[in-house]
Every structure is written in structure tokens, then in C-alpha cells.
Protein backbone atom coordinates (compact mmCIF):
# COMPACT_ATOMS: atom_id res chain seq x y z
CA MET A 1 16.40 23.12 0.87
CA PRO A 2 13.48 25.23 -0.43
CA SER A 3 10.46 23.92 1.45
CA PHE A 4 6.77 24.65 1.91
CA PHE A 5 6.06 25.00 5.64
CA ILE A 6 2.80 23.87 7.19
CA ARG A 7 2.73 25.16 10.77
CA VAL A 8 0.06 23.75 13.05
CA SER A 9 -1.07 26.04 15.85
CA GLY A 10 -0.98 24.49 19.30
CA CYS A 11 1.64 22.83 21.50
CA ASN A 12 1.83 20.65 24.61
CA LEU A 13 4.99 22.46 25.79
CA ARG A 14 5.83 26.09 26.57
CA CYS A 15 9.50 26.74 25.88
CA ALA A 16 10.78 29.98 27.37
CA TRP A 17 12.67 30.81 24.19
CA CYS A 18 10.03 29.58 21.71
CA ASP A 19 10.57 31.44 18.44
CA THR A 20 6.97 30.80 17.29
CA PRO A 21 4.84 31.90 20.27
CA TYR A 22 1.94 32.40 17.86
CA ALA A 23 1.82 28.59 17.63
CA SER A 24 2.31 27.82 21.33
CA TRP A 25 1.90 30.54 23.96
CA ALA A 26 -0.83 32.35 22.02
CA PRO A 27 -2.02 30.04 19.21
CA GLU A 28 -3.51 31.74 16.19
CA GLY A 29 -4.38 30.98 12.59
CA ALA A 30 -7.34 30.16 10.37
CA GLN A 31 -8.72 26.65 9.96
CA ARG A 32 -7.79 24.95 6.69
CA THR A 33 -8.84 21.69 5.06
CA LEU A 34 -6.26 18.98 4.53
CA ASP A 35 -6.77 18.97 0.77
CA ALA A 36 -6.40 22.75 0.56
CA LEU A 37 -3.09 22.59 2.43
CA ALA A 38 -1.80 19.71 0.32
CA ASP A 39 -2.87 21.39 -2.92
CA GLU A 40 -1.16 24.65 -1.93
CA ALA A 41 2.03 22.78 -1.03
CA ALA A 42 2.05 20.96 -4.37
CA ALA A 43 1.36 24.20 -6.28
CA SER A 44 4.15 26.08 -4.52
CA GLY A 45 6.87 24.68 -6.76
CA ALA A 46 8.76 23.28 -3.78
CA ARG A 47 9.28 19.52 -3.68
CA HIS A 48 9.81 19.47 0.09
CA THR A 49 7.17 20.10 2.75
CA VAL A 50 7.92 20.63 6.44
CA VAL A 51 5.08 19.89 8.87
CA THR A 52 5.93 21.75 12.05
CA GLY A 53 4.33 23.73 14.84
CA GLY A 54 3.63 24.09 17.61
CA GLU A 55 3.64 20.33 18.00
CA PRO A 56 2.20 18.50 14.99
CA MET A 57 2.17 15.07 16.64
CA ILE A 58 -0.63 16.03 19.06
CA PHE A 59 -3.12 16.60 16.22
CA LYS A 60 -5.15 13.60 15.09
CA HIS A 61 -5.40 14.79 11.47
CA VAL A 62 -1.65 15.10 10.85
CA PRO A 63 -1.29 11.49 9.59
CA ALA A 64 -4.04 12.16 7.04
CA LEU A 65 -2.36 15.43 6.07
CA CYS A 66 0.90 13.59 5.44
CA ASP A 67 -0.93 10.99 3.36
CA ALA A 68 -2.43 13.78 1.26
CA LEU A 69 1.00 15.36 0.78
CA ARG A 70 2.51 12.03 -0.18
CA THR A 71 -0.13 11.39 -2.85
CA ARG A 72 0.94 14.71 -4.38
CA GLY A 73 4.57 13.60 -4.55
CA MET A 74 5.92 15.77 -1.73
CA HIS A 75 8.98 14.93 0.39
CA ILE A 76 7.75 15.26 3.99
CA THR A 77 9.74 16.33 7.05
CA ILE A 78 8.04 16.40 10.44
CA GLU A 79 9.46 18.60 13.19
CA THR A 80 8.53 17.37 16.66
CA ALA A 81 9.73 17.63 20.25
CA GLY A 82 9.39 13.86 20.51
CA THR A 83 6.92 13.85 23.39
CA VAL A 84 4.27 11.94 21.41
CA ALA A 85 4.89 9.06 19.00
CA THR A 86 1.91 9.29 16.68
CA PRO A 87 2.28 6.80 13.79
CA VAL A 88 2.73 8.90 10.67
CA ALA A 89 4.33 8.57 7.24
CA CYS A 90 7.23 10.90 6.49
CA ASP A 91 10.60 10.97 4.76
CA LEU A 92 12.51 12.63 7.60
CA MET A 93 11.57 12.68 11.27
CA SER A 94 13.28 15.70 12.84
CA ILE A 95 13.12 15.17 16.60
CA SER A 96 14.06 18.02 18.92
CA PRO A 97 13.98 16.91 22.57
CA LYS A 98 13.70 19.92 24.84
CA LEU A 99 16.41 20.42 27.46
CA ALA A 100 16.18 22.10 30.86
CA ASN A 101 17.18 25.38 29.21
CA SER A 102 13.69 25.48 27.66
CA ALA A 103 11.79 25.66 30.98
CA PRO A 104 9.64 28.81 31.36
CA VAL A 105 10.99 29.70 34.80
CA ASN A 106 9.53 32.97 36.14
CA ASP A 107 7.93 33.60 32.76
CA ALA A 108 5.42 36.46 32.80
CA ARG A 109 3.18 34.44 30.49
CA ASP A 110 2.87 31.73 33.16
CA LYS A 111 1.99 33.64 36.30
CA ASP A 112 0.89 30.65 38.41
CA GLY A 113 3.60 28.27 37.15
CA ALA A 114 1.06 25.80 35.73
CA TRP A 115 2.76 25.62 32.34
CA LEU A 116 6.19 25.24 33.96
CA ARG A 117 4.98 22.16 35.81
CA LEU A 118 3.39 20.66 32.68
CA HIS A 119 6.40 21.51 30.56
CA GLU A 120 8.83 19.80 32.94
CA ALA A 121 6.59 16.73 33.23
CA ARG A 122 6.29 16.35 29.44
CA ARG A 123 9.46 17.62 27.76
CA ILE A 124 11.42 14.34 27.80
CA ASN A 125 9.52 11.13 27.01
CA PRO A 126 12.06 8.34 26.43
CA THR A 127 9.37 5.86 25.37
CA ALA A 128 8.08 8.19 22.65
CA LEU A 129 11.61 9.12 21.56
CA GLN A 130 12.59 5.47 21.21
CA ALA A 131 9.44 4.66 19.25
CA LEU A 132 10.17 7.47 16.79
CA LEU A 133 13.75 6.27 16.35
CA ASP A 134 12.60 2.69 15.82
CA ARG A 135 9.97 3.62 13.23
CA HIS A 136 11.91 6.14 11.20
CA PRO A 137 15.32 5.16 9.77
CA GLU A 138 15.60 8.64 8.28
CA ARG A 139 15.68 10.80 11.39
CA GLN A 140 17.67 13.35 13.30
CA LEU A 141 17.96 14.31 16.96
CA LYS A 142 18.28 18.10 17.11
CA PHE A 143 19.15 19.74 20.42
CA VAL A 144 18.95 23.49 21.07
CA VAL A 145 21.96 24.45 23.19
CA ALA A 146 22.32 27.61 25.25
CA ARG A 147 25.44 26.83 27.26
CA ALA A 148 28.19 24.23 27.54
CA GLY A 149 26.45 22.72 30.55
CA ASP A 150 23.68 21.49 28.23
CA LEU A 151 26.04 18.85 26.81
CA ALA A 152 25.82 16.65 29.90
CA GLU A 153 22.03 16.63 29.68
CA ILE A 154 22.15 15.75 25.97
CA GLU A 155 24.45 12.82 26.72
CA ALA A 156 22.10 11.68 29.50
CA VAL A 157 19.13 11.74 27.11
CA LEU A 158 21.06 9.84 24.45
CA ALA A 159 22.18 7.24 27.00
CA ARG A 160 18.52 6.30 27.52
CA LEU A 161 18.01 5.62 23.80
CA THR A 162 19.25 2.89 21.48
CA GLY A 163 19.80 2.53 17.75
CA TRP A 164 20.96 6.07 17.03
CA ASP A 165 24.21 7.02 15.32
CA PRO A 166 26.39 10.04 16.23
CA ALA A 167 25.64 11.49 12.80
CA ASP A 168 21.94 11.59 13.80
CA VAL A 169 22.72 14.19 16.48
CA LEU A 170 22.59 17.91 15.65
CA LEU A 171 23.39 20.90 17.86
CA MET A 172 21.69 24.24 17.19
CA PRO A 173 22.68 27.38 19.14
CA GLU A 174 19.67 28.94 20.87
CA GLY A 175 18.50 32.39 19.79
CA VAL A 176 16.65 34.38 17.17
CA LYS A 177 19.82 36.11 15.96
CA PRO A 178 22.90 34.59 14.29
CA PRO A 179 25.11 33.19 17.08
CA ALA A 180 28.19 35.08 18.19
CA ALA A 181 31.50 33.80 16.81
CA GLU A 182 32.57 32.44 20.18
CA THR A 183 29.27 30.56 20.59
CA LYS A 184 29.55 29.05 17.15
CA ALA A 185 33.16 28.07 17.86
CA TRP A 186 32.48 26.04 21.00
CA VAL A 187 29.40 24.35 19.55
CA VAL A 188 31.27 23.37 16.39
CA HIS A 189 34.19 22.11 18.49
CA GLU A 190 31.92 19.84 20.52
CA CYS A 191 30.24 18.53 17.36
CA ILE A 192 33.59 17.63 15.81
CA ARG A 193 34.77 15.99 19.03
CA ARG A 194 31.70 13.74 19.25
CA GLY A 195 30.97 13.12 15.57
CA TRP A 196 27.76 15.15 15.83
CA ARG A 197 26.57 17.78 13.32
CA TYR A 198 26.30 21.54 13.63
CA CYS A 199 22.90 22.93 12.69
CA PRO A 200 22.77 26.60 11.64
CA ARG A 201 19.54 28.53 11.21
CA LEU A 202 20.03 29.64 7.63
CA HIS A 203 16.72 31.51 7.48
CA ILE A 204 17.79 33.65 10.47
CA GLU A 205 21.13 34.44 8.85
CA LEU A 206 19.51 35.33 5.52
CA PHE A 207 16.29 37.08 6.55
CA GLY A 208 16.38 37.68 10.30
CA ASN A 209 13.64 36.60 12.67
CA LYS A 210 10.72 37.07 10.27
CA ARG A 211 7.54 35.10 9.83
CA GLY A 212 7.17 33.49 6.42
CA THR A 213 10.87 32.71 5.89
């Protein structure tokens, strides 16, 4: 779906494989007003806006940003790791709980291990995840998978939550390149077996790992 992306800069996690380190490990970007962002989204010609990050739910002005987008008739998707359950208006809550494969173990950007400890303490918050599921009937639970062993952890996370449907669950192969055929095959097989959905990264397949796509 053609969408206007608003990417906030800053995150409370530090995923080892983060594909937007300029919004987490080394935040950058100019300050913008809410009205300027909403006006640019509305003028883009896209009807859909994706508010992503970084982690948008840690910023106090994101609810006001979504209100401004809504007054301009935009369909709003929020992409979040689900660690914080800020009340916010949106049309689709895209929740991506971070699995153990995301931990920045022996990461050169985290020499003293401080971010590893924070990341592991924060990455799964069942209370926040449940609140987001309860508030947003239009939602999805998107898990980034790196290996078949991740499936047991996904099932353990889902077992702690209520009210979700198998069709709410999406699996996305980890990486900034199109997945190998054998990777795609096993992920698709597991989705079919469980009634989950396969989530490709169309922008990666079409444009590669480029900013602005």
C-alpha cells in the first residue's frame, strides 16, 4: 500500500539487526512541527500514513500527531515493539514484539553491555502487549524470525496473551536482503501449519535496503 512514512528518531531498545540504526543506535534527524508533518503527509497524495521509528510510543507528542493526521483524513498505522501502551488513535496497530534473536550480544556499539541489559529487560512487556490488543481491534502481531528455534519463543509469548486470532500473527524473515528460497519455504510452511501469515518486505525486494523506500 503506498504510504507516507513518519519515522521518529529514538528507541528504548537496541536490536542487533536493526535496519534503521539512524533511529535507534545513532538517532538523527531535524525537528519538525506536528502540523508540518501532517500537512506534508496529506499533500503527498498517499492516503495511508505509517508512524514508525525508532519507537513512536515513547514520545509524548505522537497521540497529537495522530490526531492531526486523522483530521486530514489519513489512514494511520503505528509500528511499535509493544513495550509501551500509550493511548493513541490509529487504524492499524502493528505490534512487533522482539525475540531473543534481537539481543545485541557482543555488539561493538555496546562495549559495556549496558544496552544489552536494558534491551533484555524491556523487549517483552506482556502487560503493554495485552493493553494494545485490547484497545485496537485492527492489529497485527509481527515477529521477525531468524531460525526455526524462534517459533517456540513466539508460541510462549502468544500463550501469555488473550483475545488474538491466528490471522493476527505474521512472520517476517530477518535480514536486509530478500530471504533465500529455503528460508522463505520453511517460514511459509510454518505459517500455513498454524494459520499465521507470511510477511514479505516488498520494499527490500523492489528497491533494496535504501532509505526513503
